[in-house]
């Protein structure tokens, strides 16, 4: 039975990285699924309170960063407040529209259209739209690295 549970835990950890590319579900929830299976079915005393509090804090930061990375990049690339808000909303909607491409294309196009309406300057609008794409991609890279830290920390807690 333990082998099946470990296969499930490892499978969830792998799924968390696949979910970075196909974001139908938040990838960090798959990581948490692995943690919870270990805690409730294998060894409830192994993971410390410090581990759980740290994972909650990291998860909150990850979820907020995932939503706001695009809007922050739009702002940094000269976009308007409307462009920032549209980038955040388009990332959420894009998750469900033709994944994984919808999450890349929809925010880009939405910010481009909004910025064109705001500035009537294609060059500035394109720059803000590219900013939304760069923000999203850099956010996903950071999310993947932080997930590696979370999973690595889990294995250190379990094996040491």
C-alpha atoms as a PDB file:
ATOM      1  CA  UNK A   1       0.000   0.000   0.000  1.00  0.00           C
ATOM      2  CA  UNK A   2       2.847   2.395   0.816  1.00  0.00           C
ATOM      3  CA  UNK A   3       4.281   1.994  -2.685  1.00  0.00           C
ATOM      4  CA  UNK A   4       0.947   2.946  -4.256  1.00  0.00           C
ATOM      5  CA  UNK A   5       0.731   6.040  -2.040  1.00  0.00           C
ATOM      6  CA  UNK A   6       4.291   7.063  -2.908  1.00  0.00           C
ATOM      7  CA  UNK A   7       3.523   6.616  -6.610  1.00  0.00           C
ATOM      8  CA  UNK A   8       0.481   8.844  -6.127  1.00  0.00           C
ATOM      9  CA  UNK A   9       2.546  11.463  -4.259  1.00  0.00           C
ATOM     10  CA  UNK A  10       5.268  11.493  -6.939  1.00  0.00           C
ATOM     11  CA  UNK A  11       2.552  11.600  -9.620  1.00  0.00           C
ATOM     12  CA  UNK A  12       1.011  14.670  -8.004  1.00  0.00           C
ATOM     13  CA  UNK A  13       4.391  16.381  -7.826  1.00  0.00           C
ATOM     14  CA  UNK A  14       4.948  15.695 -11.533  1.00  0.00           C
ATOM     15  CA  UNK A  15       1.406  16.893 -12.281  1.00  0.00           C
ATOM     16  CA  UNK A  16       2.211  20.187 -10.556  1.00  0.00           C
ATOM     17  CA  UNK A  17       4.870  20.902 -13.189  1.00  0.00           C
ATOM     18  CA  UNK A  18       2.621  19.802 -16.036  1.00  0.00           C
ATOM     19  CA  UNK A  19      -0.008  22.203 -14.649  1.00  0.00           C
ATOM     20  CA  UNK A  20       2.429  25.078 -15.195  1.00  0.00           C
ATOM     21  CA  UNK A  21       1.989  24.521 -18.916  1.00  0.00           C
ATOM     22  CA  UNK A  22      -1.642  23.334 -18.844  1.00  0.00           C
ATOM     23  CA  UNK A  23      -3.032  25.530 -16.065  1.00  0.00           C
ATOM     24  CA  UNK A  24      -6.511  24.054 -15.755  1.00  0.00           C
ATOM     25  CA  UNK A  25      -5.864  23.699 -12.036  1.00  0.00           C
ATOM     26  CA  UNK A  26      -3.415  25.621  -9.881  1.00  0.00           C
ATOM     27  CA  UNK A  27      -0.185  23.668  -9.887  1.00  0.00           C
ATOM     28  CA  UNK A  28       0.513  24.296  -6.242  1.00  0.00           C
ATOM     29  CA  UNK A  29      -2.657  22.377  -5.313  1.00  0.00           C
ATOM     30  CA  UNK A  30      -1.113  19.221  -6.780  1.00  0.00           C
ATOM     31  CA  UNK A  31       1.936  19.762  -4.557  1.00  0.00           C
ATOM     32  CA  UNK A  32      -0.389  20.122  -1.582  1.00  0.00           C
ATOM     33  CA  UNK A  33      -2.170  16.923  -2.614  1.00  0.00           C
ATOM     34  CA  UNK A  34       1.133  15.073  -2.262  1.00  0.00           C
ATOM     35  CA  UNK A  35       1.799  16.640   1.130  1.00  0.00           C
ATOM     36  CA  UNK A  36      -1.659  15.764   2.414  1.00  0.00           C
ATOM     37  CA  UNK A  37      -1.562  12.167   1.181  1.00  0.00           C
ATOM     38  CA  UNK A  38       1.735  11.689   2.997  1.00  0.00           C
ATOM     39  CA  UNK A  39       0.431  13.332   6.152  1.00  0.00           C
ATOM     40  CA  UNK A  40      -2.925  11.551   6.358  1.00  0.00           C
ATOM     41  CA  UNK A  41      -2.031   8.122   4.977  1.00  0.00           C
ATOM     42  CA  UNK A  42       1.658   7.493   5.623  1.00  0.00           C
ATOM     43  CA  UNK A  43       2.992   9.430   8.620  1.00  0.00           C
ATOM     44  CA  UNK A  44       0.963  12.150  10.337  1.00  0.00           C
ATOM     45  CA  UNK A  45       3.746  13.020  12.798  1.00  0.00           C
ATOM     46  CA  UNK A  46       6.619  13.541  10.326  1.00  0.00           C
ATOM     47  CA  UNK A  47       5.925  17.010   8.921  1.00  0.00           C
ATOM     48  CA  UNK A  48       6.559  19.759  11.461  1.00  0.00           C
ATOM     49  CA  UNK A  49       4.347  22.733  12.276  1.00  0.00           C
ATOM     50  CA  UNK A  50       7.077  24.980  10.854  1.00  0.00           C
ATOM     51  CA  UNK A  51       6.846  23.062   7.574  1.00  0.00           C
ATOM     52  CA  UNK A  52       3.057  23.522   7.355  1.00  0.00           C
ATOM     53  CA  UNK A  53       3.150  27.234   8.221  1.00  0.00           C
ATOM     54  CA  UNK A  54       5.957  27.813   5.722  1.00  0.00           C
ATOM     55  CA  UNK A  55       4.090  25.942   2.971  1.00  0.00           C
ATOM     56  CA  UNK A  56       0.935  27.984   3.626  1.00  0.00           C
ATOM     57  CA  UNK A  57       2.912  31.232   3.396  1.00  0.00           C
ATOM     58  CA  UNK A  58       4.683  30.136   0.208  1.00  0.00           C
ATOM     59  CA  UNK A  59       1.376  29.037  -1.323  1.00  0.00           C
ATOM     60  CA  UNK A  60      -0.279  32.388  -0.632  1.00  0.00           C
ATOM     61  CA  UNK A  61       2.649  34.216  -2.211  1.00  0.00           C
ATOM     62  CA  UNK A  62       2.578  31.899  -5.241  1.00  0.00           C
ATOM     63  CA  UNK A  63      -1.145  32.329  -5.851  1.00  0.00           C
ATOM     64  CA  UNK A  64      -0.992  36.107  -5.548  1.00  0.00           C
ATOM     65  CA  UNK A  65       2.099  36.328  -7.737  1.00  0.00           C
ATOM     66  CA  UNK A  66       0.465  34.144 -10.382  1.00  0.00           C
ATOM     67  CA  UNK A  67      -2.439  36.549 -10.733  1.00  0.00           C
ATOM     68  CA  UNK A  68      -0.504  39.815 -10.447  1.00  0.00           C
ATOM     69  CA  UNK A  69       2.740  39.060 -12.350  1.00  0.00           C
ATOM     70  CA  UNK A  70       1.190  39.952 -15.680  1.00  0.00           C
ATOM     71  CA  UNK A  71      -0.374  43.161 -14.459  1.00  0.00           C
ATOM     72  CA  UNK A  72       2.879  44.241 -12.811  1.00  0.00           C
ATOM     73  CA  UNK A  73       4.796  43.660 -16.047  1.00  0.00           C
ATOM     74  CA  UNK A  74       2.186  45.623 -18.018  1.00  0.00           C
ATOM     75  CA  UNK A  75       2.761  48.546 -15.661  1.00  0.00           C
ATOM     76  CA  UNK A  76       6.556  48.230 -15.949  1.00  0.00           C
ATOM     77  CA  UNK A  77       6.285  48.223 -19.754  1.00  0.00           C
ATOM     78  CA  UNK A  78       4.246  51.420 -19.761  1.00  0.00           C
ATOM     79  CA  UNK A  79       0.708  50.062 -19.746  1.00  0.00           C
ATOM     80  CA  UNK A  80      -2.307  51.753 -18.194  1.00  0.00           C
ATOM     81  CA  UNK A  81      -4.261  50.769 -15.080  1.00  0.00           C
ATOM     82  CA  UNK A  82      -6.893  49.275 -17.385  1.00  0.00           C
ATOM     83  CA  UNK A  83      -4.174  47.209 -19.047  1.00  0.00           C
ATOM     84  CA  UNK A  84      -3.004  45.943 -15.660  1.00  0.00           C
ATOM     85  CA  UNK A  85      -6.506  44.886 -14.627  1.00  0.00           C
ATOM     86  CA  UNK A  86      -7.259  43.301 -17.979  1.00  0.00           C
ATOM     87  CA  UNK A  87      -4.001  41.300 -17.811  1.00  0.00           C
ATOM     88  CA  UNK A  88      -5.014  39.804 -14.449  1.00  0.00           C
ATOM     89  CA  UNK A  89      -8.511  38.919 -15.605  1.00  0.00           C
ATOM     90  CA  UNK A  90      -7.322  37.563 -18.967  1.00  0.00           C
ATOM     91  CA  UNK A  91      -4.869  35.194 -17.258  1.00  0.00           C
ATOM     92  CA  UNK A  92      -7.722  33.714 -15.235  1.00  0.00           C
ATOM     93  CA  UNK A  93     -10.035  33.405 -18.237  1.00  0.00           C
ATOM     94  CA  UNK A  94      -7.222  32.206 -20.492  1.00  0.00           C
ATOM     95  CA  UNK A  95      -6.696  29.232 -18.186  1.00  0.00           C
ATOM     96  CA  UNK A  96      -9.955  27.795 -19.477  1.00  0.00           C
ATOM     97  CA  UNK A  97      -9.743  28.927 -23.110  1.00  0.00           C
ATOM     98  CA  UNK A  98      -7.688  26.549 -25.253  1.00  0.00           C
ATOM     99  CA  UNK A  99      -4.986  25.689 -22.686  1.00  0.00           C
ATOM    100  CA  UNK A 100      -2.045  26.204 -22.705  1.00  0.00           C
ATOM    101  CA  UNK A 101      -2.202  28.708 -25.563  1.00  0.00           C
ATOM    102  CA  UNK A 102      -5.189  30.637 -24.234  1.00  0.00           C
ATOM    103  CA  UNK A 103      -3.270  31.661 -21.158  1.00  0.00           C
ATOM    104  CA  UNK A 104      -0.550  33.143 -23.388  1.00  0.00           C
ATOM    105  CA  UNK A 105      -2.606  34.578 -26.234  1.00  0.00           C
ATOM    106  CA  UNK A 106      -5.655  35.959 -24.416  1.00  0.00           C
ATOM    107  CA  UNK A 107      -3.772  38.293 -22.031  1.00  0.00           C
ATOM    108  CA  UNK A 108      -1.516  39.466 -24.868  1.00  0.00           C
ATOM    109  CA  UNK A 109      -4.428  40.253 -27.191  1.00  0.00           C
ATOM    110  CA  UNK A 110      -6.592  41.725 -24.426  1.00  0.00           C
ATOM    111  CA  UNK A 111      -3.858  44.080 -23.232  1.00  0.00           C
ATOM    112  CA  UNK A 112      -3.042  45.045 -26.817  1.00  0.00           C
ATOM    113  CA  UNK A 113      -6.698  45.932 -27.512  1.00  0.00           C
ATOM    114  CA  UNK A 114      -7.170  47.842 -24.244  1.00  0.00           C
ATOM    115  CA  UNK A 115      -3.945  49.773 -24.670  1.00  0.00           C
ATOM    116  CA  UNK A 116      -4.830  50.619 -28.275  1.00  0.00           C
ATOM    117  CA  UNK A 117      -8.125  52.035 -27.025  1.00  0.00           C
ATOM    118  CA  UNK A 118      -6.342  53.972 -24.294  1.00  0.00           C
ATOM    119  CA  UNK A 119      -3.383  55.400 -26.234  1.00  0.00           C
ATOM    120  CA  UNK A 120      -4.189  54.957 -29.927  1.00  0.00           C
ATOM    121  CA  UNK A 121      -0.476  54.173 -30.279  1.00  0.00           C
ATOM    122  CA  UNK A 122       0.270  50.676 -31.608  1.00  0.00           C
ATOM    123  CA  UNK A 123       3.920  50.729 -30.508  1.00  0.00           C
ATOM    124  CA  UNK A 124       3.080  51.569 -26.885  1.00  0.00           C
ATOM    125  CA  UNK A 125       0.203  49.075 -26.861  1.00  0.00           C
ATOM    126  CA  UNK A 126       2.432  46.344 -28.246  1.00  0.00           C
ATOM    127  CA  UNK A 127       5.081  47.096 -25.640  1.00  0.00           C
ATOM    128  CA  UNK A 128       2.518  46.730 -22.826  1.00  0.00           C
ATOM    129  CA  UNK A 129       1.158  43.502 -24.370  1.00  0.00           C
ATOM    130  CA  UNK A 130       4.664  42.062 -24.605  1.00  0.00           C
ATOM    131  CA  UNK A 131       5.082  43.067 -20.961  1.00  0.00           C
ATOM    132  CA  UNK A 132       2.049  40.955 -20.031  1.00  0.00           C
ATOM    133  CA  UNK A 133       3.570  37.976 -21.831  1.00  0.00           C
ATOM    134  CA  UNK A 134       6.973  38.459 -20.184  1.00  0.00           C
ATOM    135  CA  UNK A 135       5.331  38.863 -16.788  1.00  0.00           C
ATOM    136  CA  UNK A 136       3.322  35.691 -17.203  1.00  0.00           C
ATOM    137  CA  UNK A 137       6.266  33.615 -18.414  1.00  0.00           C
ATOM    138  CA  UNK A 138       8.628  34.885 -15.731  1.00  0.00           C
ATOM    139  CA  UNK A 139       5.931  34.216 -13.137  1.00  0.00           C
ATOM    140  CA  UNK A 140       5.631  30.605 -14.334  1.00  0.00           C
ATOM    141  CA  UNK A 141       9.398  30.115 -14.190  1.00  0.00           C
ATOM    142  CA  UNK A 142       9.444  31.495 -10.642  1.00  0.00           C
ATOM    143  CA  UNK A 143       6.466  29.327  -9.709  1.00  0.00           C
ATOM    144  CA  UNK A 144       8.247  26.223 -11.014  1.00  0.00           C
ATOM    145  CA  UNK A 145      11.396  27.049  -9.059  1.00  0.00           C
ATOM    146  CA  UNK A 146       9.430  27.670  -5.875  1.00  0.00           C
ATOM    147  CA  UNK A 147       7.566  24.386  -6.354  1.00  0.00           C
ATOM    148  CA  UNK A 148      10.948  22.668  -6.609  1.00  0.00           C
ATOM    149  CA  UNK A 149      11.895  24.250  -3.281  1.00  0.00           C
ATOM    150  CA  UNK A 150       8.606  23.118  -1.718  1.00  0.00           C
ATOM    151  CA  UNK A 151       9.020  19.553  -2.961  1.00  0.00           C
ATOM    152  CA  UNK A 152      12.695  19.482  -1.992  1.00  0.00           C
ATOM    153  CA  UNK A 153      11.828  20.725   1.489  1.00  0.00           C
ATOM    154  CA  UNK A 154       9.188  17.996   1.739  1.00  0.00           C
ATOM    155  CA  UNK A 155      11.751  15.289   0.913  1.00  0.00           C
ATOM    156  CA  UNK A 156      14.243  16.759   3.396  1.00  0.00           C
ATOM    157  CA  UNK A 157      11.570  16.644   6.110  1.00  0.00           C
ATOM    158  CA  UNK A 158      10.623  13.068   5.246  1.00  0.00           C
ATOM    159  CA  UNK A 159      14.054  11.571   4.725  1.00  0.00           C
ATOM    160  CA  UNK A 160      16.150  13.364   7.355  1.00  0.00           C
END
